[in-house]
């Protein structure tokens, strides 16, 4: 059986929940409160608003992925190489890795910020804090970890 891929514990999740209560949600919720003051989009506060921010979130996540792909293609983030075949072994293909360029790293960080903005807007549309969304995710992950169900696929695993 493979090793568990994380060691998330219920105690850590409880610590996060307590921290969020003590500090009124902490920096995630403060970010949400400040960032969404700049929100201008159709249907705010209606199902249309949620649809809009979900679509835009997907677009920003795509832009993030685009920059990672461009780093692979244009900046040699990954470098393929081969080992020659031997009598016993067919030719092997591998990838080496380099560091992100400072310019590409800055572009990726900007896209992460855009993703974060749309996540905060989606939370607003649902009437929840980002801390609530984060806590819900941690609770799901610790449950899966305890059941050794982190690997695989499906929302209800």
C-alpha atoms as a PDB file:
ATOM      1  CA  UNK A   1       0.000   0.000   0.000  1.00  0.00           C
ATOM      2  CA  UNK A   2       1.442   3.435  -0.923  1.00  0.00           C
ATOM      3  CA  UNK A   3       2.256   5.956   1.777  1.00  0.00           C
ATOM      4  CA  UNK A   4      -0.427   8.473   2.598  1.00  0.00           C
ATOM      5  CA  UNK A   5       0.131  11.611   0.561  1.00  0.00           C
ATOM      6  CA  UNK A   6      -0.397  13.965   3.471  1.00  0.00           C
ATOM      7  CA  UNK A   7      -0.563  14.009   7.202  1.00  0.00           C
ATOM      8  CA  UNK A   8      -3.415  16.444   7.749  1.00  0.00           C
ATOM      9  CA  UNK A   9      -4.947  15.987  11.200  1.00  0.00           C
ATOM     10  CA  UNK A  10      -8.229  16.945  12.829  1.00  0.00           C
ATOM     11  CA  UNK A  11      -6.207  18.941  15.365  1.00  0.00           C
ATOM     12  CA  UNK A  12      -4.782  21.107  12.577  1.00  0.00           C
ATOM     13  CA  UNK A  13      -8.246  21.663  11.128  1.00  0.00           C
ATOM     14  CA  UNK A  14      -9.569  22.600  14.585  1.00  0.00           C
ATOM     15  CA  UNK A  15      -6.634  25.007  15.010  1.00  0.00           C
ATOM     16  CA  UNK A  16      -7.544  26.690  11.724  1.00  0.00           C
ATOM     17  CA  UNK A  17     -11.200  26.926  12.777  1.00  0.00           C
ATOM     18  CA  UNK A  18     -10.245  28.443  16.141  1.00  0.00           C
ATOM     19  CA  UNK A  19      -7.831  30.863  14.483  1.00  0.00           C
ATOM     20  CA  UNK A  20     -10.543  31.989  12.068  1.00  0.00           C
ATOM     21  CA  UNK A  21     -12.925  32.634  14.981  1.00  0.00           C
ATOM     22  CA  UNK A  22     -10.380  34.468  17.135  1.00  0.00           C
ATOM     23  CA  UNK A  23      -9.111  36.675  14.331  1.00  0.00           C
ATOM     24  CA  UNK A  24     -12.466  37.160  12.570  1.00  0.00           C
ATOM     25  CA  UNK A  25     -11.378  34.971   9.714  1.00  0.00           C
ATOM     26  CA  UNK A  26      -7.855  36.305   9.515  1.00  0.00           C
ATOM     27  CA  UNK A  27      -6.185  37.558   6.407  1.00  0.00           C
ATOM     28  CA  UNK A  28      -8.337  35.552   3.968  1.00  0.00           C
ATOM     29  CA  UNK A  29     -11.488  37.287   5.085  1.00  0.00           C
ATOM     30  CA  UNK A  30      -9.799  40.671   5.329  1.00  0.00           C
ATOM     31  CA  UNK A  31      -8.579  40.207   1.752  1.00  0.00           C
ATOM     32  CA  UNK A  32     -12.130  39.280   0.697  1.00  0.00           C
ATOM     33  CA  UNK A  33     -13.590  42.329   2.396  1.00  0.00           C
ATOM     34  CA  UNK A  34     -11.098  44.725   0.807  1.00  0.00           C
ATOM     35  CA  UNK A  35     -10.739  43.143  -2.633  1.00  0.00           C
ATOM     36  CA  UNK A  36     -14.417  42.791  -3.379  1.00  0.00           C
ATOM     37  CA  UNK A  37     -14.921  46.514  -2.832  1.00  0.00           C
ATOM     38  CA  UNK A  38     -13.639  46.734  -6.405  1.00  0.00           C
ATOM     39  CA  UNK A  39     -16.307  44.322  -7.677  1.00  0.00           C
ATOM     40  CA  UNK A  40     -18.164  45.508 -10.767  1.00  0.00           C
ATOM     41  CA  UNK A  41     -19.884  42.730 -12.691  1.00  0.00           C
ATOM     42  CA  UNK A  42     -23.343  41.835 -13.954  1.00  0.00           C
ATOM     43  CA  UNK A  43     -25.883  40.266 -11.644  1.00  0.00           C
ATOM     44  CA  UNK A  44     -24.113  40.890  -8.354  1.00  0.00           C
ATOM     45  CA  UNK A  45     -26.095  39.253  -5.565  1.00  0.00           C
ATOM     46  CA  UNK A  46     -28.110  37.048  -7.937  1.00  0.00           C
ATOM     47  CA  UNK A  47     -27.515  33.644  -9.513  1.00  0.00           C
ATOM     48  CA  UNK A  48     -26.234  35.537 -12.578  1.00  0.00           C
ATOM     49  CA  UNK A  49     -23.484  37.033 -10.415  1.00  0.00           C
ATOM     50  CA  UNK A  50     -22.375  33.591  -9.275  1.00  0.00           C
ATOM     51  CA  UNK A  51     -22.396  32.328 -12.856  1.00  0.00           C
ATOM     52  CA  UNK A  52     -20.340  35.331 -13.984  1.00  0.00           C
ATOM     53  CA  UNK A  53     -17.648  34.994 -11.316  1.00  0.00           C
ATOM     54  CA  UNK A  54     -17.456  31.203 -11.820  1.00  0.00           C
ATOM     55  CA  UNK A  55     -16.853  31.687 -15.539  1.00  0.00           C
ATOM     56  CA  UNK A  56     -14.273  34.400 -14.927  1.00  0.00           C
ATOM     57  CA  UNK A  57     -12.563  32.251 -12.276  1.00  0.00           C
ATOM     58  CA  UNK A  58     -12.230  29.498 -14.843  1.00  0.00           C
ATOM     59  CA  UNK A  59     -10.729  31.972 -17.316  1.00  0.00           C
ATOM     60  CA  UNK A  60      -8.173  33.233 -14.802  1.00  0.00           C
ATOM     61  CA  UNK A  61      -7.231  29.676 -13.843  1.00  0.00           C
ATOM     62  CA  UNK A  62      -6.713  29.040 -17.560  1.00  0.00           C
ATOM     63  CA  UNK A  63      -4.424  32.068 -17.798  1.00  0.00           C
ATOM     64  CA  UNK A  64      -2.438  30.719 -14.850  1.00  0.00           C
ATOM     65  CA  UNK A  65      -2.114  27.373 -16.620  1.00  0.00           C
ATOM     66  CA  UNK A  66      -1.136  29.165 -19.860  1.00  0.00           C
ATOM     67  CA  UNK A  67       1.820  30.815 -18.159  1.00  0.00           C
ATOM     68  CA  UNK A  68       2.986  27.489 -16.748  1.00  0.00           C
ATOM     69  CA  UNK A  69       2.676  25.945 -20.218  1.00  0.00           C
ATOM     70  CA  UNK A  70       4.598  28.847 -21.759  1.00  0.00           C
ATOM     71  CA  UNK A  71       7.300  28.380 -19.120  1.00  0.00           C
ATOM     72  CA  UNK A  72       7.569  24.748 -20.202  1.00  0.00           C
ATOM     73  CA  UNK A  73       7.667  25.602 -23.900  1.00  0.00           C
ATOM     74  CA  UNK A  74       9.489  28.928 -24.023  1.00  0.00           C
ATOM     75  CA  UNK A  75      11.561  29.070 -20.838  1.00  0.00           C
ATOM     76  CA  UNK A  76      12.746  25.436 -20.722  1.00  0.00           C
ATOM     77  CA  UNK A  77      11.019  24.792 -17.390  1.00  0.00           C
ATOM     78  CA  UNK A  78      11.089  21.127 -18.353  1.00  0.00           C
ATOM     79  CA  UNK A  79      13.856  19.678 -20.469  1.00  0.00           C
ATOM     80  CA  UNK A  80      13.351  16.250 -22.075  1.00  0.00           C
ATOM     81  CA  UNK A  81      16.257  13.841 -22.369  1.00  0.00           C
ATOM     82  CA  UNK A  82      16.691  10.208 -23.249  1.00  0.00           C
ATOM     83  CA  UNK A  83      18.857   7.336 -22.131  1.00  0.00           C
ATOM     84  CA  UNK A  84      20.041   5.115 -24.914  1.00  0.00           C
ATOM     85  CA  UNK A  85      18.581   1.667 -25.226  1.00  0.00           C
ATOM     86  CA  UNK A  86      20.577  -1.289 -23.972  1.00  0.00           C
ATOM     87  CA  UNK A  87      20.250  -4.962 -24.684  1.00  0.00           C
ATOM     88  CA  UNK A  88      18.101  -5.386 -21.578  1.00  0.00           C
ATOM     89  CA  UNK A  89      16.225  -2.094 -21.541  1.00  0.00           C
ATOM     90  CA  UNK A  90      14.397  -0.054 -24.191  1.00  0.00           C
ATOM     91  CA  UNK A  91      15.247   3.607 -24.601  1.00  0.00           C
ATOM     92  CA  UNK A  92      14.049   5.606 -21.564  1.00  0.00           C
ATOM     93  CA  UNK A  93      12.540   9.101 -21.722  1.00  0.00           C
ATOM     94  CA  UNK A  94      12.876  11.514 -18.818  1.00  0.00           C
ATOM     95  CA  UNK A  95      12.383  15.167 -18.006  1.00  0.00           C
ATOM     96  CA  UNK A  96      14.688  17.482 -16.143  1.00  0.00           C
ATOM     97  CA  UNK A  97      13.523  20.695 -14.524  1.00  0.00           C
ATOM     98  CA  UNK A  98      14.823  24.226 -14.327  1.00  0.00           C
ATOM     99  CA  UNK A  99      13.691  27.221 -12.289  1.00  0.00           C
ATOM    100  CA  UNK A 100      11.047  29.677 -13.402  1.00  0.00           C
ATOM    101  CA  UNK A 101      12.453  32.885 -14.798  1.00  0.00           C
ATOM    102  CA  UNK A 102      11.807  35.889 -12.531  1.00  0.00           C
ATOM    103  CA  UNK A 103       9.598  37.407 -15.236  1.00  0.00           C
ATOM    104  CA  UNK A 104       7.477  34.275 -15.629  1.00  0.00           C
ATOM    105  CA  UNK A 105       7.220  33.861 -11.865  1.00  0.00           C
ATOM    106  CA  UNK A 106       5.900  37.433 -11.576  1.00  0.00           C
ATOM    107  CA  UNK A 107       3.296  36.773 -14.288  1.00  0.00           C
ATOM    108  CA  UNK A 108       2.158  33.562 -12.556  1.00  0.00           C
ATOM    109  CA  UNK A 109       1.849  35.362  -9.214  1.00  0.00           C
ATOM    110  CA  UNK A 110      -0.357  38.016 -10.858  1.00  0.00           C
ATOM    111  CA  UNK A 111      -2.631  35.302 -12.246  1.00  0.00           C
ATOM    112  CA  UNK A 112      -2.835  33.626  -8.829  1.00  0.00           C
ATOM    113  CA  UNK A 113      -3.987  36.984  -7.470  1.00  0.00           C
ATOM    114  CA  UNK A 114      -6.687  37.182 -10.150  1.00  0.00           C
ATOM    115  CA  UNK A 115      -7.837  33.659  -9.264  1.00  0.00           C
ATOM    116  CA  UNK A 116      -7.931  34.678  -5.605  1.00  0.00           C
ATOM    117  CA  UNK A 117     -10.052  37.754  -6.439  1.00  0.00           C
ATOM    118  CA  UNK A 118     -12.651  35.675  -8.275  1.00  0.00           C
ATOM    119  CA  UNK A 119     -12.666  33.094  -5.482  1.00  0.00           C
ATOM    120  CA  UNK A 120     -13.424  35.868  -3.007  1.00  0.00           C
ATOM    121  CA  UNK A 121     -16.200  37.183  -5.268  1.00  0.00           C
ATOM    122  CA  UNK A 122     -17.675  33.667  -5.530  1.00  0.00           C
ATOM    123  CA  UNK A 123     -17.659  33.430  -1.737  1.00  0.00           C
ATOM    124  CA  UNK A 124     -19.445  36.794  -1.575  1.00  0.00           C
ATOM    125  CA  UNK A 125     -22.052  35.541  -4.018  1.00  0.00           C
ATOM    126  CA  UNK A 126     -22.678  32.527  -1.772  1.00  0.00           C
ATOM    127  CA  UNK A 127     -22.747  34.671   1.356  1.00  0.00           C
ATOM    128  CA  UNK A 128     -19.785  32.905   2.951  1.00  0.00           C
ATOM    129  CA  UNK A 129     -16.319  33.933   4.005  1.00  0.00           C
ATOM    130  CA  UNK A 130     -13.179  32.635   2.366  1.00  0.00           C
ATOM    131  CA  UNK A 131     -12.278  31.160   5.756  1.00  0.00           C
ATOM    132  CA  UNK A 132     -15.525  29.166   5.702  1.00  0.00           C
ATOM    133  CA  UNK A 133     -14.667  27.827   2.242  1.00  0.00           C
ATOM    134  CA  UNK A 134     -11.134  27.000   3.405  1.00  0.00           C
ATOM    135  CA  UNK A 135     -12.376  25.274   6.570  1.00  0.00           C
ATOM    136  CA  UNK A 136     -14.911  23.240   4.584  1.00  0.00           C
ATOM    137  CA  UNK A 137     -12.106  22.092   2.296  1.00  0.00           C
ATOM    138  CA  UNK A 138      -9.828  21.176   5.209  1.00  0.00           C
ATOM    139  CA  UNK A 139     -12.634  19.171   6.823  1.00  0.00           C
ATOM    140  CA  UNK A 140     -13.174  17.268   3.577  1.00  0.00           C
ATOM    141  CA  UNK A 141      -9.441  16.591   3.208  1.00  0.00           C
ATOM    142  CA  UNK A 142      -8.951  15.342   6.766  1.00  0.00           C
ATOM    143  CA  UNK A 143     -11.957  13.041   6.360  1.00  0.00           C
ATOM    144  CA  UNK A 144     -10.481  11.620   3.151  1.00  0.00           C
ATOM    145  CA  UNK A 145      -7.067  11.324   4.792  1.00  0.00           C
ATOM    146  CA  UNK A 146      -8.492   9.349   7.716  1.00  0.00           C
ATOM    147  CA  UNK A 147     -10.282   7.028   5.291  1.00  0.00           C
ATOM    148  CA  UNK A 148      -7.185   6.800   3.060  1.00  0.00           C
ATOM    149  CA  UNK A 149      -9.286   8.157   0.197  1.00  0.00           C
ATOM    150  CA  UNK A 150      -7.094  11.050  -0.953  1.00  0.00           C
ATOM    151  CA  UNK A 151      -6.045   9.224  -4.080  1.00  0.00           C
ATOM    152  CA  UNK A 152      -8.503   8.485  -6.826  1.00  0.00           C
ATOM    153  CA  UNK A 153     -11.272  10.658  -8.154  1.00  0.00           C
ATOM    154  CA  UNK A 154     -14.828  11.655  -7.406  1.00  0.00           C
ATOM    155  CA  UNK A 155     -16.312  14.278  -5.149  1.00  0.00           C
ATOM    156  CA  UNK A 156     -17.877  11.763  -2.749  1.00  0.00           C
ATOM    157  CA  UNK A 157     -14.922   9.417  -2.272  1.00  0.00           C
END
